[in-house]
């Protein structure tokens, strides 16, 4: 039986390092310090969301339909994942109006969602 890789110490919660690899076929074992992907640090729920997001080719409307969640919830999950990967999410006042218009034209968002995005991210409400 295999177990998912844990990335944090169960005792002190600090980041763990991979130090041993073994080939299932020939039993060759390699010991050293190996770097894990940033994605390995995501929770199972976050990885499941990333998988759906990729299968939907980043189309937020499709992600909404697939998961049965709202546009703001999809954005919130994306922001959470971005933060978990060690990046700073885009600041609210850095709204990309052209991107919102393009999403609206591609029917990825509704006019109401576009208005909400422009108001919320532009600093007003």
N, C-alpha and C. Protein backbone atom coordinates (compact mmCIF):
# COMPACT_ATOMS: atom_id res chain seq x y z
N UNK A 1 0.85 -1.19 0.00
CA UNK A 1 0.00 0.00 0.00
C UNK A 1 0.88 1.24 0.00
N UNK A 2 0.52 2.23 -0.81
CA UNK A 2 1.27 3.48 -0.82
C UNK A 2 0.47 4.56 -0.12
N UNK A 3 1.19 5.52 0.41
CA UNK A 3 0.58 6.64 1.13
C UNK A 3 0.96 7.94 0.42
N UNK A 4 0.11 8.95 0.51
CA UNK A 4 0.48 10.23 -0.10
C UNK A 4 1.69 10.81 0.63
N UNK A 5 2.51 11.54 -0.11
CA UNK A 5 3.69 12.17 0.47
C UNK A 5 3.24 13.27 1.42
N UNK A 6 3.79 13.28 2.62
CA UNK A 6 3.52 14.39 3.53
C UNK A 6 4.64 15.39 3.36
N UNK A 7 4.33 16.66 3.46
CA UNK A 7 5.33 17.69 3.21
C UNK A 7 5.74 18.44 4.47
N UNK A 8 4.96 18.29 5.54
CA UNK A 8 5.29 18.96 6.81
C UNK A 8 5.45 17.93 7.91
N UNK A 9 6.37 18.21 8.83
CA UNK A 9 6.65 17.32 9.95
C UNK A 9 5.41 17.19 10.85
N UNK A 10 5.02 15.98 11.19
CA UNK A 10 3.86 15.81 12.07
C UNK A 10 4.15 16.23 13.52
N UNK A 11 5.41 16.42 13.87
CA UNK A 11 5.78 16.82 15.22
C UNK A 11 5.86 18.33 15.36
N UNK A 12 6.64 18.98 14.48
CA UNK A 12 6.87 20.43 14.63
C UNK A 12 6.28 21.28 13.51
N UNK A 13 5.71 20.66 12.48
CA UNK A 13 5.06 21.33 11.34
C UNK A 13 6.02 22.01 10.37
N UNK A 14 7.32 21.86 10.55
CA UNK A 14 8.26 22.42 9.59
C UNK A 14 8.29 21.57 8.32
N UNK A 15 8.80 22.17 7.23
CA UNK A 15 8.85 21.51 5.94
C UNK A 15 9.79 20.30 5.98
N UNK A 16 9.35 19.19 5.42
CA UNK A 16 10.17 17.98 5.33
C UNK A 16 10.98 17.98 4.03
N UNK A 17 12.12 17.27 4.04
CA UNK A 17 12.93 17.09 2.84
C UNK A 17 12.91 15.63 2.46
N UNK A 18 12.86 15.37 1.17
CA UNK A 18 12.95 14.00 0.68
C UNK A 18 14.43 13.64 0.67
N UNK A 19 14.77 12.52 1.29
CA UNK A 19 16.19 12.13 1.37
C UNK A 19 16.46 10.74 0.82
N UNK A 20 15.43 10.02 0.42
CA UNK A 20 15.65 8.66 -0.06
C UNK A 20 14.65 8.32 -1.17
N UNK A 21 15.18 7.74 -2.24
CA UNK A 21 14.36 7.29 -3.36
C UNK A 21 14.70 5.82 -3.63
N UNK A 22 13.69 5.04 -4.02
CA UNK A 22 13.93 3.63 -4.30
C UNK A 22 13.16 3.21 -5.55
N UNK A 23 13.84 2.46 -6.41
CA UNK A 23 13.23 1.92 -7.62
C UNK A 23 12.47 0.65 -7.26
N UNK A 24 11.18 0.59 -7.60
CA UNK A 24 10.39 -0.61 -7.33
C UNK A 24 10.84 -1.80 -8.17
N UNK A 25 11.36 -1.53 -9.33
CA UNK A 25 11.74 -2.61 -10.25
C UNK A 25 13.02 -3.33 -9.81
N UNK A 26 14.09 -2.59 -9.57
CA UNK A 26 15.38 -3.22 -9.25
C UNK A 26 15.84 -2.99 -7.82
N UNK A 27 15.05 -2.26 -7.04
CA UNK A 27 15.36 -1.96 -5.62
C UNK A 27 16.57 -1.07 -5.42
N UNK A 28 17.02 -0.38 -6.47
CA UNK A 28 18.10 0.58 -6.30
C UNK A 28 17.62 1.69 -5.38
N UNK A 29 18.46 2.05 -4.41
CA UNK A 29 18.12 3.11 -3.46
C UNK A 29 19.11 4.25 -3.61
N UNK A 30 18.61 5.46 -3.64
CA UNK A 30 19.44 6.66 -3.75
C UNK A 30 19.13 7.54 -2.55
N UNK A 31 20.18 7.95 -1.84
CA UNK A 31 19.99 8.84 -0.69
C UNK A 31 20.72 10.15 -0.95
N UNK A 32 20.03 11.24 -0.70
CA UNK A 32 20.55 12.59 -0.84
C UNK A 32 19.44 13.53 -0.41
N UNK A 33 19.59 14.83 -0.63
CA UNK A 33 18.49 15.76 -0.39
C UNK A 33 17.89 16.12 -1.74
N UNK A 34 16.59 15.85 -1.87
CA UNK A 34 15.89 16.09 -3.12
C UNK A 34 14.85 17.17 -2.91
N UNK A 35 14.71 18.01 -3.92
CA UNK A 35 13.73 19.09 -3.85
C UNK A 35 12.40 18.60 -4.42
N UNK A 36 11.33 18.89 -3.69
CA UNK A 36 10.00 18.52 -4.16
C UNK A 36 9.38 19.69 -4.91
N UNK A 37 8.45 19.38 -5.77
CA UNK A 37 7.71 20.40 -6.50
C UNK A 37 6.89 21.24 -5.53
N UNK A 38 6.68 22.50 -5.86
CA UNK A 38 5.80 23.35 -5.05
C UNK A 38 4.40 22.76 -4.97
N UNK A 39 3.98 22.09 -6.04
CA UNK A 39 2.64 21.51 -6.06
C UNK A 39 2.47 20.42 -5.00
N UNK A 40 3.57 19.78 -4.63
CA UNK A 40 3.50 18.72 -3.61
C UNK A 40 3.07 19.26 -2.26
N UNK A 41 3.21 20.56 -2.06
CA UNK A 41 2.84 21.15 -0.77
C UNK A 41 1.35 21.48 -0.68
N UNK A 42 0.62 21.34 -1.79
CA UNK A 42 -0.81 21.63 -1.78
C UNK A 42 -1.58 20.49 -1.11
N UNK A 43 -2.71 20.84 -0.51
CA UNK A 43 -3.57 19.83 0.11
C UNK A 43 -4.26 19.02 -0.99
N UNK A 44 -4.85 17.90 -0.61
CA UNK A 44 -5.57 17.06 -1.57
C UNK A 44 -6.70 17.85 -2.23
N UNK A 45 -7.44 18.64 -1.45
CA UNK A 45 -8.53 19.44 -2.02
C UNK A 45 -7.99 20.45 -3.03
N UNK A 46 -6.85 21.08 -2.70
CA UNK A 46 -6.26 22.04 -3.62
C UNK A 46 -5.80 21.36 -4.90
N UNK A 47 -5.17 20.19 -4.78
CA UNK A 47 -4.72 19.46 -5.96
C UNK A 47 -5.90 19.01 -6.82
N UNK A 48 -6.98 18.58 -6.18
CA UNK A 48 -8.19 18.20 -6.92
C UNK A 48 -8.72 19.40 -7.70
N UNK A 49 -8.72 20.58 -7.06
CA UNK A 49 -9.19 21.79 -7.72
C UNK A 49 -8.28 22.12 -8.91
N UNK A 50 -6.96 22.05 -8.73
CA UNK A 50 -6.01 22.34 -9.81
C UNK A 50 -6.26 21.39 -10.99
N UNK A 51 -6.53 20.13 -10.69
CA UNK A 51 -6.80 19.16 -11.75
C UNK A 51 -8.04 19.54 -12.55
N UNK A 52 -9.11 19.90 -11.87
CA UNK A 52 -10.34 20.33 -12.55
C UNK A 52 -10.07 21.59 -13.36
N UNK A 53 -9.35 22.53 -12.76
CA UNK A 53 -9.02 23.79 -13.43
C UNK A 53 -8.26 23.52 -14.73
N UNK A 54 -7.29 22.60 -14.69
CA UNK A 54 -6.51 22.27 -15.89
C UNK A 54 -7.35 21.54 -16.93
N UNK A 55 -8.18 20.60 -16.49
CA UNK A 55 -9.04 19.87 -17.43
C UNK A 55 -9.99 20.84 -18.12
N UNK A 56 -10.43 21.86 -17.40
CA UNK A 56 -11.32 22.88 -17.97
C UNK A 56 -10.53 23.96 -18.71
N UNK A 57 -9.24 23.76 -18.86
CA UNK A 57 -8.34 24.67 -19.58
C UNK A 57 -8.41 26.10 -19.05
N UNK A 58 -8.60 26.21 -17.73
CA UNK A 58 -8.61 27.52 -17.11
C UNK A 58 -9.88 28.31 -17.29
N UNK A 59 -10.89 27.70 -17.90
CA UNK A 59 -12.16 28.39 -18.13
C UNK A 59 -12.95 28.37 -16.82
N UNK A 60 -13.04 29.51 -16.19
CA UNK A 60 -13.67 29.59 -14.87
C UNK A 60 -15.14 29.19 -14.93
N UNK A 61 -15.84 29.54 -16.00
CA UNK A 61 -17.25 29.14 -16.14
C UNK A 61 -17.38 27.61 -16.12
N UNK A 62 -16.46 26.93 -16.81
CA UNK A 62 -16.48 25.47 -16.83
C UNK A 62 -16.16 24.89 -15.45
N UNK A 63 -15.23 25.53 -14.74
CA UNK A 63 -14.89 25.09 -13.38
C UNK A 63 -16.12 25.25 -12.48
N UNK A 64 -16.81 26.38 -12.63
CA UNK A 64 -18.05 26.61 -11.86
C UNK A 64 -19.03 25.47 -12.07
N UNK A 65 -19.26 25.13 -13.35
CA UNK A 65 -20.22 24.07 -13.69
C UNK A 65 -19.76 22.72 -13.15
N UNK A 66 -18.49 22.41 -13.35
CA UNK A 66 -17.95 21.11 -12.95
C UNK A 66 -18.04 20.89 -11.44
N UNK A 67 -17.72 21.94 -10.67
CA UNK A 67 -17.70 21.81 -9.22
C UNK A 67 -18.98 22.29 -8.54
N UNK A 68 -19.85 22.95 -9.30
CA UNK A 68 -21.10 23.45 -8.73
C UNK A 68 -20.86 24.57 -7.72
N UNK A 69 -19.89 25.44 -8.03
CA UNK A 69 -19.57 26.56 -7.13
C UNK A 69 -19.64 27.87 -7.91
N UNK A 70 -19.69 28.98 -7.19
CA UNK A 70 -19.83 30.29 -7.82
C UNK A 70 -18.48 30.83 -8.31
N UNK A 71 -18.57 31.82 -9.17
CA UNK A 71 -17.37 32.48 -9.69
C UNK A 71 -16.48 33.01 -8.56
N UNK A 72 -17.04 33.74 -7.57
CA UNK A 72 -16.19 34.23 -6.47
C UNK A 72 -15.53 33.09 -5.69
N UNK A 73 -16.20 31.96 -5.57
CA UNK A 73 -15.61 30.82 -4.86
C UNK A 73 -14.44 30.25 -5.66
N UNK A 74 -14.58 30.16 -6.98
CA UNK A 74 -13.48 29.70 -7.83
C UNK A 74 -12.29 30.65 -7.66
N UNK A 75 -12.54 31.95 -7.73
CA UNK A 75 -11.46 32.93 -7.57
C UNK A 75 -10.81 32.81 -6.20
N UNK A 76 -11.61 32.60 -5.17
CA UNK A 76 -11.07 32.45 -3.82
C UNK A 76 -10.17 31.23 -3.71
N UNK A 77 -10.59 30.12 -4.33
CA UNK A 77 -9.77 28.91 -4.31
C UNK A 77 -8.47 29.14 -5.07
N UNK A 78 -8.54 29.83 -6.19
CA UNK A 78 -7.32 30.14 -6.95
C UNK A 78 -6.37 31.01 -6.13
N UNK A 79 -6.91 32.01 -5.46
CA UNK A 79 -6.09 32.89 -4.62
C UNK A 79 -5.43 32.09 -3.50
N UNK A 80 -6.18 31.19 -2.89
CA UNK A 80 -5.65 30.35 -1.82
C UNK A 80 -4.49 29.49 -2.34
N UNK A 81 -4.65 28.91 -3.52
CA UNK A 81 -3.60 28.07 -4.10
C UNK A 81 -2.38 28.91 -4.46
N UNK A 82 -2.59 30.07 -5.04
CA UNK A 82 -1.49 30.96 -5.38
C UNK A 82 -0.68 31.30 -4.14
N UNK A 83 -1.37 31.62 -3.06
CA UNK A 83 -0.71 31.94 -1.80
C UNK A 83 0.03 30.72 -1.25
N UNK A 84 -0.60 29.56 -1.31
CA UNK A 84 0.03 28.32 -0.82
C UNK A 84 1.31 27.99 -1.59
N UNK A 85 1.36 28.37 -2.85
CA UNK A 85 2.55 28.12 -3.66
C UNK A 85 3.66 29.16 -3.41
N UNK A 86 3.37 30.14 -2.57
CA UNK A 86 4.39 31.13 -2.20
C UNK A 86 4.38 32.39 -3.04
N UNK A 87 3.34 32.59 -3.83
CA UNK A 87 3.23 33.79 -4.66
C UNK A 87 2.26 34.76 -4.02
N UNK A 88 2.42 36.02 -4.35
CA UNK A 88 1.49 37.04 -3.89
C UNK A 88 0.36 37.15 -4.90
N UNK A 89 -0.90 37.01 -4.43
CA UNK A 89 -2.01 37.20 -5.38
C UNK A 89 -2.07 38.65 -5.83
N UNK A 90 -2.66 38.85 -6.99
CA UNK A 90 -2.80 40.20 -7.54
C UNK A 90 -3.57 41.06 -6.56
N UNK A 91 -3.10 42.27 -6.33
CA UNK A 91 -3.78 43.19 -5.43
C UNK A 91 -5.10 43.63 -6.05
N UNK A 92 -6.07 43.92 -5.19
CA UNK A 92 -7.41 44.29 -5.67
C UNK A 92 -7.39 45.51 -6.57
N UNK A 93 -6.51 46.47 -6.32
CA UNK A 93 -6.50 47.68 -7.14
C UNK A 93 -5.72 47.50 -8.44
N UNK A 94 -5.22 46.30 -8.70
CA UNK A 94 -4.49 46.03 -9.93
C UNK A 94 -5.38 45.31 -10.95
N UNK A 95 -6.64 45.68 -10.99
CA UNK A 95 -7.59 45.01 -11.87
C UNK A 95 -7.18 45.17 -13.33
N UNK A 96 -7.33 44.11 -14.08
CA UNK A 96 -7.02 44.12 -15.50
C UNK A 96 -8.34 44.21 -16.26
N UNK A 97 -8.75 45.44 -16.53
CA UNK A 97 -10.05 45.66 -17.16
C UNK A 97 -10.16 44.99 -18.52
N UNK A 98 -9.08 44.98 -19.29
CA UNK A 98 -9.11 44.35 -20.61
C UNK A 98 -9.36 42.85 -20.47
N UNK A 99 -8.77 42.24 -19.45
CA UNK A 99 -8.98 40.80 -19.24
C UNK A 99 -10.43 40.51 -18.88
N UNK A 100 -11.03 41.36 -18.05
CA UNK A 100 -12.43 41.18 -17.67
C UNK A 100 -13.33 41.33 -18.89
N UNK A 101 -13.05 42.31 -19.72
CA UNK A 101 -13.84 42.51 -20.95
C UNK A 101 -13.68 41.29 -21.86
N UNK A 102 -12.47 40.77 -21.99
CA UNK A 102 -12.25 39.58 -22.82
C UNK A 102 -13.01 38.38 -22.27
N UNK A 103 -13.00 38.22 -20.96
CA UNK A 103 -13.74 37.12 -20.33
C UNK A 103 -15.23 37.27 -20.60
N UNK A 104 -15.70 38.50 -20.54
CA UNK A 104 -17.11 38.78 -20.81
C UNK A 104 -17.45 38.45 -22.27
N UNK A 105 -16.58 38.87 -23.19
CA UNK A 105 -16.80 38.59 -24.62
C UNK A 105 -16.78 37.09 -24.92
N UNK A 106 -15.94 36.36 -24.19
CA UNK A 106 -15.82 34.90 -24.39
C UNK A 106 -16.87 34.13 -23.60
N UNK A 107 -17.79 34.87 -22.96
CA UNK A 107 -18.87 34.29 -22.16
C UNK A 107 -18.35 33.42 -21.02
N UNK A 108 -17.16 33.78 -20.49
CA UNK A 108 -16.61 33.08 -19.33
C UNK A 108 -17.23 33.61 -18.04
N UNK A 109 -17.72 34.85 -18.12
CA UNK A 109 -18.41 35.46 -16.98
C UNK A 109 -19.66 36.18 -17.49
N UNK A 110 -20.59 36.42 -16.59
CA UNK A 110 -21.81 37.15 -16.95
C UNK A 110 -21.54 38.65 -16.80
N UNK A 111 -22.43 39.49 -17.38
CA UNK A 111 -22.27 40.93 -17.19
C UNK A 111 -22.29 41.31 -15.71
N UNK A 112 -23.13 40.64 -14.93
CA UNK A 112 -23.21 40.93 -13.49
C UNK A 112 -21.89 40.61 -12.79
N UNK A 113 -21.26 39.48 -13.17
CA UNK A 113 -19.98 39.11 -12.58
C UNK A 113 -18.89 40.11 -12.98
N UNK A 114 -18.95 40.59 -14.23
CA UNK A 114 -17.97 41.58 -14.70
C UNK A 114 -18.10 42.87 -13.88
N UNK A 115 -19.34 43.30 -13.67
CA UNK A 115 -19.57 44.51 -12.87
C UNK A 115 -19.04 44.32 -11.46
N UNK A 116 -19.32 43.16 -10.87
CA UNK A 116 -18.86 42.88 -9.52
C UNK A 116 -17.32 42.89 -9.46
N UNK A 117 -16.68 42.26 -10.45
CA UNK A 117 -15.22 42.23 -10.48
C UNK A 117 -14.64 43.64 -10.57
N UNK A 118 -15.24 44.45 -11.45
CA UNK A 118 -14.73 45.81 -11.63
C UNK A 118 -14.94 46.64 -10.38
N UNK A 119 -16.06 46.46 -9.70
CA UNK A 119 -16.33 47.20 -8.47
C UNK A 119 -15.44 46.71 -7.33
N UNK A 120 -15.43 45.38 -7.12
CA UNK A 120 -14.66 44.80 -6.01
C UNK A 120 -13.17 45.04 -6.14
N UNK A 121 -12.65 44.81 -7.36
CA UNK A 121 -11.21 44.92 -7.54
C UNK A 121 -10.77 46.37 -7.74
N UNK A 122 -11.70 47.19 -8.13
CA UNK A 122 -11.35 48.59 -8.32
C UNK A 122 -11.34 49.37 -7.02
N UNK A 123 -11.73 48.73 -5.94
CA UNK A 123 -11.71 49.38 -4.64
C UNK A 123 -13.05 49.87 -4.18
N UNK A 124 -14.06 49.94 -5.07
CA UNK A 124 -15.40 50.39 -4.67
C UNK A 124 -16.30 49.22 -4.40
N UNK A 125 -17.45 49.51 -3.79
CA UNK A 125 -18.47 48.47 -3.59
C UNK A 125 -19.83 49.04 -3.61
